[in-house]
């Protein structure tokens, strides 16, 4: 009898814990992104500036729904690189990121070598990666934890900048 009671009690606790946690699937996030993109057509974004020792950017924030924010960022690194990033937030959490980064490497000759990195992330409510795609100069590569941490940290900084403001 005690084992059955313990099993029911543990099941109830796990059920209650899972109810408080919001999970998204890749399909649900894709629908949120499509709906947000359709709402952006007639919106004017609010402009923000962000800067650090390594980079600075201009960010346009679009408040499409009370709990969804879309950011369009043009990021310039202080040492030979620039990036164009799109962020989608729901309920204060980043759920989708699309980034394109171009790094320039000067050579002794007149030509400058460049490296193009494209990164697409889909994240769940907890910031865990559901899926990703990283392409560097046309080659599909794996995502390093340091790169993921850099994106998530920057996304948090931008969210703190733009917050939950309504137009």
N, C-alpha and C. Protein backbone atom coordinates (compact mmCIF):
# COMPACT_ATOMS: atom_id res chain seq x y z
N UNK A 1 0.82 -1.20 0.00
CA UNK A 1 0.00 0.00 0.00
C UNK A 1 0.87 1.26 0.00
N UNK A 2 1.94 1.24 0.81
CA UNK A 2 2.82 2.41 0.87
C UNK A 2 3.51 2.68 -0.46
N UNK A 3 3.84 1.62 -1.19
CA UNK A 3 4.50 1.79 -2.48
C UNK A 3 3.56 2.43 -3.49
N UNK A 4 2.31 2.03 -3.47
CA UNK A 4 1.33 2.62 -4.39
C UNK A 4 1.10 4.08 -4.03
N UNK A 5 0.96 4.37 -2.74
CA UNK A 5 0.78 5.75 -2.30
C UNK A 5 1.99 6.61 -2.70
N UNK A 6 3.19 6.08 -2.52
CA UNK A 6 4.41 6.80 -2.88
C UNK A 6 4.48 7.04 -4.38
N UNK A 7 4.11 6.03 -5.17
CA UNK A 7 4.11 6.16 -6.62
C UNK A 7 3.11 7.23 -7.08
N UNK A 8 1.92 7.23 -6.51
CA UNK A 8 0.90 8.24 -6.85
C UNK A 8 1.38 9.63 -6.44
N UNK A 9 1.97 9.73 -5.27
CA UNK A 9 2.47 11.02 -4.78
C UNK A 9 3.57 11.58 -5.68
N UNK A 10 4.52 10.75 -6.07
CA UNK A 10 5.62 11.18 -6.94
C UNK A 10 5.07 11.58 -8.32
N UNK A 11 4.13 10.79 -8.83
CA UNK A 11 3.51 11.12 -10.12
C UNK A 11 2.80 12.46 -10.07
N UNK A 12 2.10 12.72 -8.97
CA UNK A 12 1.39 14.00 -8.81
C UNK A 12 2.38 15.15 -8.75
N UNK A 13 3.46 15.00 -8.03
CA UNK A 13 4.49 16.05 -7.93
C UNK A 13 5.09 16.33 -9.30
N UNK A 14 5.45 15.28 -10.03
CA UNK A 14 6.02 15.46 -11.37
C UNK A 14 5.04 16.15 -12.31
N UNK A 15 3.77 15.78 -12.21
CA UNK A 15 2.74 16.41 -13.04
C UNK A 15 2.63 17.90 -12.72
N UNK A 16 2.60 18.25 -11.45
CA UNK A 16 2.49 19.66 -11.05
C UNK A 16 3.72 20.46 -11.49
N UNK A 17 4.89 19.86 -11.38
CA UNK A 17 6.10 20.55 -11.82
C UNK A 17 6.10 20.77 -13.33
N UNK A 18 5.62 19.81 -14.08
CA UNK A 18 5.60 19.95 -15.54
C UNK A 18 4.56 20.96 -15.99
N UNK A 19 3.51 21.17 -15.23
CA UNK A 19 2.47 22.15 -15.60
C UNK A 19 3.01 23.57 -15.52
N UNK A 20 3.90 23.84 -14.62
CA UNK A 20 4.43 25.19 -14.47
C UNK A 20 5.48 25.54 -15.51
N UNK A 21 5.94 24.58 -16.25
CA UNK A 21 7.00 24.78 -17.23
C UNK A 21 6.40 24.83 -18.62
N UNK A 22 6.76 25.84 -19.39
CA UNK A 22 6.21 25.97 -20.73
C UNK A 22 7.24 25.47 -21.74
N UNK A 23 6.84 24.52 -22.55
CA UNK A 23 7.72 23.94 -23.55
C UNK A 23 7.21 24.31 -24.94
N UNK A 24 8.11 24.51 -25.86
CA UNK A 24 7.75 24.79 -27.24
C UNK A 24 8.39 23.74 -28.13
N UNK A 25 7.71 23.40 -29.19
CA UNK A 25 8.30 22.53 -30.19
C UNK A 25 8.79 23.40 -31.34
N UNK A 26 9.58 22.81 -32.20
CA UNK A 26 10.09 23.54 -33.36
C UNK A 26 8.93 24.04 -34.23
N UNK A 27 7.91 23.22 -34.36
CA UNK A 27 6.74 23.60 -35.17
C UNK A 27 6.00 24.79 -34.56
N UNK A 28 5.79 24.78 -33.24
CA UNK A 28 5.12 25.89 -32.56
C UNK A 28 5.91 27.18 -32.70
N UNK A 29 7.23 27.09 -32.56
CA UNK A 29 8.08 28.27 -32.69
C UNK A 29 8.03 28.80 -34.11
N UNK A 30 8.03 27.93 -35.10
CA UNK A 30 7.92 28.35 -36.50
C UNK A 30 6.61 29.10 -36.74
N UNK A 31 5.52 28.64 -36.12
CA UNK A 31 4.24 29.33 -36.25
C UNK A 31 4.29 30.72 -35.60
N UNK A 32 4.91 30.82 -34.44
CA UNK A 32 5.06 32.11 -33.76
C UNK A 32 5.86 33.07 -34.63
N UNK A 33 6.96 32.58 -35.22
CA UNK A 33 7.81 33.40 -36.08
C UNK A 33 7.04 33.86 -37.32
N UNK A 34 6.29 32.97 -37.96
CA UNK A 34 5.50 33.34 -39.14
C UNK A 34 4.44 34.38 -38.78
N UNK A 35 3.75 34.18 -37.67
CA UNK A 35 2.73 35.15 -37.24
C UNK A 35 3.37 36.51 -36.95
N UNK A 36 4.50 36.50 -36.27
CA UNK A 36 5.21 37.74 -35.95
C UNK A 36 5.66 38.44 -37.22
N UNK A 37 6.22 37.70 -38.17
CA UNK A 37 6.67 38.29 -39.43
C UNK A 37 5.50 38.93 -40.18
N UNK A 38 4.33 38.30 -40.14
CA UNK A 38 3.17 38.88 -40.84
C UNK A 38 2.70 40.16 -40.18
N UNK A 39 2.90 40.29 -38.87
CA UNK A 39 2.50 41.51 -38.15
C UNK A 39 3.49 42.66 -38.33
N UNK A 40 4.71 42.36 -38.78
CA UNK A 40 5.75 43.39 -38.91
C UNK A 40 5.53 44.32 -40.09
N UNK A 41 4.71 43.92 -41.04
CA UNK A 41 4.55 44.67 -42.29
C UNK A 41 4.19 46.14 -42.04
N UNK A 42 3.28 46.40 -41.14
CA UNK A 42 2.80 47.76 -40.93
C UNK A 42 3.31 48.40 -39.64
N UNK A 43 4.29 47.82 -39.01
CA UNK A 43 4.79 48.37 -37.75
C UNK A 43 6.03 49.23 -37.95
N UNK A 44 6.15 50.24 -37.13
CA UNK A 44 7.37 51.04 -37.08
C UNK A 44 8.12 50.63 -35.82
N UNK A 45 9.38 50.31 -35.96
CA UNK A 45 10.16 49.86 -34.82
C UNK A 45 10.73 51.02 -34.03
N UNK A 46 11.02 50.74 -32.77
CA UNK A 46 11.68 51.72 -31.92
C UNK A 46 13.19 51.47 -31.98
N UNK A 47 13.94 52.54 -32.15
CA UNK A 47 15.39 52.42 -32.33
C UNK A 47 16.11 52.52 -30.99
N UNK A 48 17.10 51.63 -30.81
CA UNK A 48 17.94 51.62 -29.63
C UNK A 48 19.39 51.46 -30.07
N UNK A 49 20.31 51.96 -29.25
CA UNK A 49 21.73 51.77 -29.50
C UNK A 49 22.32 50.97 -28.36
N UNK A 50 23.21 50.05 -28.70
CA UNK A 50 23.88 49.21 -27.72
C UNK A 50 25.37 49.27 -28.00
N UNK A 51 26.19 49.21 -26.95
CA UNK A 51 27.65 49.23 -27.15
C UNK A 51 28.35 48.49 -26.03
N UNK A 52 29.50 47.93 -26.38
CA UNK A 52 30.39 47.30 -25.40
C UNK A 52 31.82 47.57 -25.85
N UNK A 53 32.77 47.02 -25.15
CA UNK A 53 34.17 47.22 -25.50
C UNK A 53 34.52 46.53 -26.82
N UNK A 54 33.79 45.46 -27.18
CA UNK A 54 34.11 44.70 -28.39
C UNK A 54 33.27 45.06 -29.60
N UNK A 55 32.09 45.66 -29.38
CA UNK A 55 31.18 45.89 -30.50
C UNK A 55 30.14 46.96 -30.15
N UNK A 56 29.44 47.40 -31.17
CA UNK A 56 28.32 48.33 -30.98
C UNK A 56 27.28 48.03 -32.04
N UNK A 57 26.02 48.38 -31.74
CA UNK A 57 24.97 48.05 -32.69
C UNK A 57 23.81 49.02 -32.62
N UNK A 58 23.04 48.99 -33.69
CA UNK A 58 21.77 49.69 -33.76
C UNK A 58 20.70 48.61 -33.81
N UNK A 59 19.71 48.75 -32.95
CA UNK A 59 18.68 47.73 -32.81
C UNK A 59 17.32 48.38 -33.05
N UNK A 60 16.49 47.71 -33.82
CA UNK A 60 15.09 48.13 -33.98
C UNK A 60 14.23 47.07 -33.30
N UNK A 61 13.39 47.54 -32.38
CA UNK A 61 12.51 46.64 -31.63
C UNK A 61 11.08 46.81 -32.12
N UNK A 62 10.42 45.69 -32.36
CA UNK A 62 9.04 45.67 -32.80
C UNK A 62 8.23 44.90 -31.77
N UNK A 63 7.25 45.55 -31.18
CA UNK A 63 6.40 44.94 -30.17
C UNK A 63 5.11 44.49 -30.86
N UNK A 64 5.11 43.27 -31.38
CA UNK A 64 4.01 42.82 -32.23
C UNK A 64 2.79 42.41 -31.43
N UNK A 65 2.99 41.82 -30.29
CA UNK A 65 1.91 41.39 -29.41
C UNK A 65 2.38 41.68 -27.99
N UNK A 66 1.49 41.63 -27.02
CA UNK A 66 1.92 41.96 -25.65
C UNK A 66 3.10 41.13 -25.15
N UNK A 67 3.23 39.89 -25.60
CA UNK A 67 4.30 39.04 -25.07
C UNK A 67 5.34 38.62 -26.11
N UNK A 68 5.31 39.24 -27.30
CA UNK A 68 6.26 38.89 -28.35
C UNK A 68 7.01 40.13 -28.81
N UNK A 69 8.32 40.02 -28.85
CA UNK A 69 9.17 41.13 -29.31
C UNK A 69 10.08 40.59 -30.41
N UNK A 70 10.21 41.36 -31.48
CA UNK A 70 11.12 41.03 -32.58
C UNK A 70 12.19 42.11 -32.61
N UNK A 71 13.46 41.72 -32.71
CA UNK A 71 14.58 42.66 -32.80
C UNK A 71 15.33 42.43 -34.10
N UNK A 72 15.67 43.53 -34.74
CA UNK A 72 16.50 43.52 -35.94
C UNK A 72 17.75 44.32 -35.58
N UNK A 73 18.91 43.67 -35.63
CA UNK A 73 20.14 44.30 -35.16
C UNK A 73 21.20 44.34 -36.25
N UNK A 74 21.85 45.50 -36.37
CA UNK A 74 23.04 45.63 -37.21
C UNK A 74 24.20 45.85 -36.24
N UNK A 75 25.08 44.85 -36.15
CA UNK A 75 26.15 44.82 -35.17
C UNK A 75 27.49 45.02 -35.86
N UNK A 76 28.29 45.93 -35.35
CA UNK A 76 29.64 46.17 -35.87
C UNK A 76 30.65 45.84 -34.78
N UNK A 77 31.55 44.95 -35.11
CA UNK A 77 32.63 44.63 -34.19
C UNK A 77 33.75 45.65 -34.38
N UNK A 78 34.45 45.96 -33.34
CA UNK A 78 35.51 46.96 -33.42
C UNK A 78 36.74 46.44 -34.16
N UNK A 79 36.82 45.14 -34.37
CA UNK A 79 37.95 44.53 -35.09
C UNK A 79 37.49 43.75 -36.30
N UNK A 80 37.20 44.40 -37.39
CA UNK A 80 37.00 43.77 -38.70
C UNK A 80 35.89 42.76 -38.88
N UNK A 81 34.72 43.03 -38.36
CA UNK A 81 33.60 42.12 -38.60
C UNK A 81 32.29 42.89 -38.39
N UNK A 82 31.25 42.36 -39.00
CA UNK A 82 29.91 42.92 -38.80
C UNK A 82 28.91 41.78 -38.86
N UNK A 83 27.76 42.01 -38.25
CA UNK A 83 26.73 40.96 -38.21
C UNK A 83 25.35 41.59 -38.35
N UNK A 84 24.45 40.80 -38.87
CA UNK A 84 23.06 41.20 -39.01
C UNK A 84 22.24 40.10 -38.34
N UNK A 85 21.54 40.46 -37.27
CA UNK A 85 20.87 39.46 -36.44
C UNK A 85 19.38 39.76 -36.28
N UNK A 86 18.60 38.69 -36.21
CA UNK A 86 17.17 38.77 -35.94
C UNK A 86 16.89 37.93 -34.70
N UNK A 87 16.16 38.51 -33.75
CA UNK A 87 15.83 37.84 -32.50
C UNK A 87 14.31 37.83 -32.33
N UNK A 88 13.79 36.72 -31.88
CA UNK A 88 12.38 36.61 -31.55
C UNK A 88 12.28 36.20 -30.08
N UNK A 89 11.55 36.99 -29.30
CA UNK A 89 11.35 36.71 -27.88
C UNK A 89 9.87 36.45 -27.62
N UNK A 90 9.60 35.51 -26.75
CA UNK A 90 8.22 35.29 -26.28
C UNK A 90 8.28 35.20 -24.77
N UNK A 91 7.44 35.98 -24.13
CA UNK A 91 7.37 36.02 -22.66
C UNK A 91 8.75 36.28 -22.04
N UNK A 92 9.55 37.11 -22.68
CA UNK A 92 10.86 37.47 -22.15
C UNK A 92 11.98 36.49 -22.43
N UNK A 93 11.70 35.44 -23.19
CA UNK A 93 12.71 34.42 -23.48
C UNK A 93 12.96 34.36 -24.97
N UNK A 94 14.24 34.26 -25.35
CA UNK A 94 14.55 34.14 -26.77
C UNK A 94 14.14 32.74 -27.24
N UNK A 95 13.40 32.70 -28.35
CA UNK A 95 12.95 31.42 -28.89
C UNK A 95 13.50 31.16 -30.29
N UNK A 96 13.96 32.22 -30.98
CA UNK A 96 14.45 32.04 -32.35
C UNK A 96 15.51 33.11 -32.63
N UNK A 97 16.59 32.69 -33.27
CA UNK A 97 17.69 33.60 -33.62
C UNK A 97 18.17 33.26 -35.02
N UNK A 98 18.36 34.30 -35.83
CA UNK A 98 18.96 34.15 -37.15
C UNK A 98 20.08 35.18 -37.24
N UNK A 99 21.28 34.74 -37.52
CA UNK A 99 22.41 35.65 -37.59
C UNK A 99 23.28 35.40 -38.80
N UNK A 100 23.84 36.48 -39.31
CA UNK A 100 24.78 36.41 -40.43
C UNK A 100 25.96 37.30 -40.07
N UNK A 101 27.15 36.71 -39.95
CA UNK A 101 28.34 37.44 -39.53
C UNK A 101 29.40 37.35 -40.63
N UNK A 102 29.98 38.49 -40.95
CA UNK A 102 31.05 38.55 -41.94
C UNK A 102 32.30 39.06 -41.23
N UNK A 103 33.36 38.26 -41.28
CA UNK A 103 34.63 38.65 -40.68
C UNK A 103 35.63 38.92 -41.80
N UNK A 104 36.40 39.97 -41.64
CA UNK A 104 37.39 40.35 -42.64
C UNK A 104 38.78 40.10 -42.08
N UNK A 105 39.61 39.43 -42.89
CA UNK A 105 40.99 39.13 -42.51
C UNK A 105 41.92 39.77 -43.54
N UNK A 106 42.56 40.89 -43.21
CA UNK A 106 43.44 41.54 -44.18
C UNK A 106 44.66 40.68 -44.50
N UNK A 107 45.01 40.67 -45.76
CA UNK A 107 46.21 39.96 -46.21
C UNK A 107 47.25 40.99 -46.64
N UNK A 108 48.44 40.51 -46.85
CA UNK A 108 49.49 41.42 -47.31
C UNK A 108 49.22 41.89 -48.73
N UNK A 109 48.56 41.04 -49.52
CA UNK A 109 48.19 41.47 -50.87
C UNK A 109 47.00 42.42 -50.74
N UNK A 110 46.53 42.91 -51.85
CA UNK A 110 45.43 43.87 -51.83
C UNK A 110 44.09 43.24 -51.49
N UNK A 111 43.94 41.95 -51.75
CA UNK A 111 42.67 41.30 -51.48
C UNK A 111 42.52 41.01 -49.98
N UNK A 112 41.30 41.12 -49.52
CA UNK A 112 40.99 40.81 -48.14
C UNK A 112 40.18 39.52 -48.11
N UNK A 113 40.60 38.59 -47.28
CA UNK A 113 39.87 37.34 -47.12
C UNK A 113 38.70 37.59 -46.17
N UNK A 114 37.57 36.98 -46.48
CA UNK A 114 36.44 37.13 -45.57
C UNK A 114 35.84 35.76 -45.26
N UNK A 115 35.23 35.69 -44.11
CA UNK A 115 34.58 34.46 -43.67
C UNK A 115 33.13 34.80 -43.34
N UNK A 116 32.18 34.08 -43.92
CA UNK A 116 30.78 34.32 -43.65
C UNK A 116 30.21 33.17 -42.83
N UNK A 117 29.60 33.52 -41.71
CA UNK A 117 28.97 32.55 -40.83
C UNK A 117 27.48 32.84 -40.75
N UNK A 118 26.67 31.82 -41.03
CA UNK A 118 25.23 31.94 -40.88
C UNK A 118 24.81 30.99 -39.76
N UNK A 119 24.01 31.51 -38.84
CA UNK A 119 23.59 30.71 -37.70
C UNK A 119 22.09 30.88 -37.48
N UNK A 120 21.42 29.76 -37.29
CA UNK A 120 19.98 29.77 -37.01
C UNK A 120 19.76 28.87 -35.80
N UNK A 121 19.11 29.43 -34.78
CA UNK A 121 18.83 28.69 -33.55
C UNK A 121 17.34 28.69 -33.27
N UNK A 122 16.83 27.57 -32.82
CA UNK A 122 15.48 27.50 -32.27
C UNK A 122 15.65 26.98 -30.85
N UNK A 123 15.12 27.75 -29.89
CA UNK A 123 15.33 27.43 -28.48
C UNK A 123 14.00 27.25 -27.77
N UNK A 124 14.02 26.41 -26.74
CA UNK A 124 12.80 26.26 -25.94
C UNK A 124 12.76 27.35 -24.87
N UNK A 125 11.74 27.29 -24.06
CA UNK A 125 11.49 28.32 -23.06
C UNK A 125 12.64 28.47 -22.07
N UNK A 126 13.38 27.39 -21.84
CA UNK A 126 14.49 27.40 -20.89
C UNK A 126 15.82 27.81 -21.52
N UNK A 127 15.83 28.09 -22.83
CA UNK A 127 17.06 28.46 -23.50
C UNK A 127 17.84 27.27 -24.03
N UNK A 128 17.26 26.08 -23.94
CA UNK A 128 17.91 24.89 -24.50
C UNK A 128 17.67 24.85 -26.00
N UNK A 129 18.68 24.44 -26.75
CA UNK A 129 18.59 24.42 -28.21
C UNK A 129 17.73 23.23 -28.66
N UNK A 130 16.68 23.53 -29.42
CA UNK A 130 15.85 22.49 -30.03
C UNK A 130 16.50 22.06 -31.34
N UNK A 131 16.88 23.05 -32.14
CA UNK A 131 17.60 22.75 -33.39
C UNK A 131 18.47 23.94 -33.75
N UNK A 132 19.48 23.67 -34.56
CA UNK A 132 20.36 24.74 -35.02
C UNK A 132 20.93 24.38 -36.38
N UNK A 133 21.41 25.41 -37.06
CA UNK A 133 22.12 25.22 -38.32
C UNK A 133 23.22 26.27 -38.35
N UNK A 134 24.45 25.83 -38.49
CA UNK A 134 25.60 26.73 -38.57
C UNK A 134 26.34 26.42 -39.86
N UNK A 135 26.47 27.45 -40.70
CA UNK A 135 27.17 27.30 -41.98
C UNK A 135 28.28 28.34 -42.03
N UNK A 136 29.50 27.89 -42.24
CA UNK A 136 30.65 28.78 -42.37
C UNK A 136 31.22 28.59 -43.77
N UNK A 137 31.18 29.65 -44.56
CA UNK A 137 31.66 29.62 -45.95
C UNK A 137 31.09 28.42 -46.72
N UNK A 138 29.81 28.16 -46.54
CA UNK A 138 29.14 27.10 -47.27
C UNK A 138 29.28 25.71 -46.67
N UNK A 139 30.01 25.56 -45.58
CA UNK A 139 30.22 24.26 -44.95
C UNK A 139 29.42 24.16 -43.66
N UNK A 140 28.65 23.10 -43.52
CA UNK A 140 27.84 22.86 -42.33
C UNK A 140 28.74 22.40 -41.19
N UNK A 141 28.69 23.13 -40.06
CA UNK A 141 29.55 22.82 -38.91
C UNK A 141 28.72 22.67 -37.65
N UNK A 142 29.36 22.12 -36.61
CA UNK A 142 28.68 21.99 -35.32
C UNK A 142 28.82 23.30 -34.54
N UNK A 143 27.93 23.47 -33.59
CA UNK A 143 27.88 24.69 -32.78
C UNK A 143 28.68 24.48 -31.50
N UNK A 144 29.59 25.39 -31.21
CA UNK A 144 30.36 25.33 -29.98
C UNK A 144 29.54 25.92 -28.84
N UNK A 145 29.76 25.42 -27.63
CA UNK A 145 29.07 25.96 -26.46
C UNK A 145 29.40 27.43 -26.24
N UNK A 146 30.64 27.82 -26.54
CA UNK A 146 31.04 29.22 -26.34
C UNK A 146 30.28 30.14 -27.30
N UNK A 147 30.05 29.69 -28.53
CA UNK A 147 29.28 30.48 -29.49
C UNK A 147 27.83 30.62 -29.03
N UNK A 148 27.27 29.52 -28.55
CA UNK A 148 25.90 29.55 -28.06
C UNK A 148 25.80 30.50 -26.87
N UNK A 149 26.73 30.40 -25.95
CA UNK A 149 26.73 31.27 -24.77
C UNK A 149 26.85 32.74 -25.16
N UNK A 150 27.68 33.02 -26.16
CA UNK A 150 27.84 34.40 -26.64
C UNK A 150 26.53 34.94 -27.20
N UNK A 151 25.83 34.15 -27.99
CA UNK A 151 24.55 34.57 -28.57
C UNK A 151 23.52 34.79 -27.46
N UNK A 152 23.42 33.85 -26.53
CA UNK A 152 22.43 33.95 -25.46
C UNK A 152 22.70 35.13 -24.53
N UNK A 153 23.97 35.36 -24.22
CA UNK A 153 24.33 36.49 -23.37
C UNK A 153 23.99 37.81 -24.05
N UNK A 154 24.32 37.92 -25.32
CA UNK A 154 24.02 39.14 -26.06
C UNK A 154 22.51 39.33 -26.18
N UNK A 155 21.77 38.25 -26.40
CA UNK A 155 20.31 38.33 -26.48
C UNK A 155 19.71 38.82 -25.17
N UNK A 156 20.26 38.38 -24.04
CA UNK A 156 19.80 38.86 -22.73
C UNK A 156 20.08 40.35 -22.57
N UNK A 157 21.28 40.78 -22.97
CA UNK A 157 21.63 42.20 -22.88
C UNK A 157 20.67 43.06 -23.71
N UNK A 158 20.37 42.59 -24.92
CA UNK A 158 19.45 43.35 -25.77
C UNK A 158 18.05 43.37 -25.18
N UNK A 159 17.61 42.25 -24.61
CA UNK A 159 16.28 42.23 -24.02
C UNK A 159 16.19 43.20 -22.85
N UNK A 160 17.26 43.27 -22.04
CA UNK A 160 17.29 44.24 -20.96
C UNK A 160 17.20 45.67 -21.48
N UNK A 161 17.78 45.91 -22.63
CA UNK A 161 17.75 47.24 -23.25
C UNK A 161 16.35 47.60 -23.73
N UNK A 162 15.69 46.68 -24.41
CA UNK A 162 14.39 47.00 -25.01
C UNK A 162 13.21 46.64 -24.12
N UNK A 163 13.38 45.67 -23.20
CA UNK A 163 12.35 45.31 -22.24
C UNK A 163 11.02 44.93 -22.82
N UNK A 164 9.98 45.12 -22.03
CA UNK A 164 8.62 44.78 -22.42
C UNK A 164 7.81 46.03 -22.75
N UNK A 165 8.43 47.00 -23.36
CA UNK A 165 7.75 48.27 -23.64
C UNK A 165 6.71 48.09 -24.72
N UNK A 166 5.62 48.78 -24.58
CA UNK A 166 4.56 48.79 -25.58
C UNK A 166 4.61 50.11 -26.33
N UNK A 167 4.22 50.07 -27.60
CA UNK A 167 4.17 51.31 -28.38
C UNK A 167 2.96 52.11 -28.01
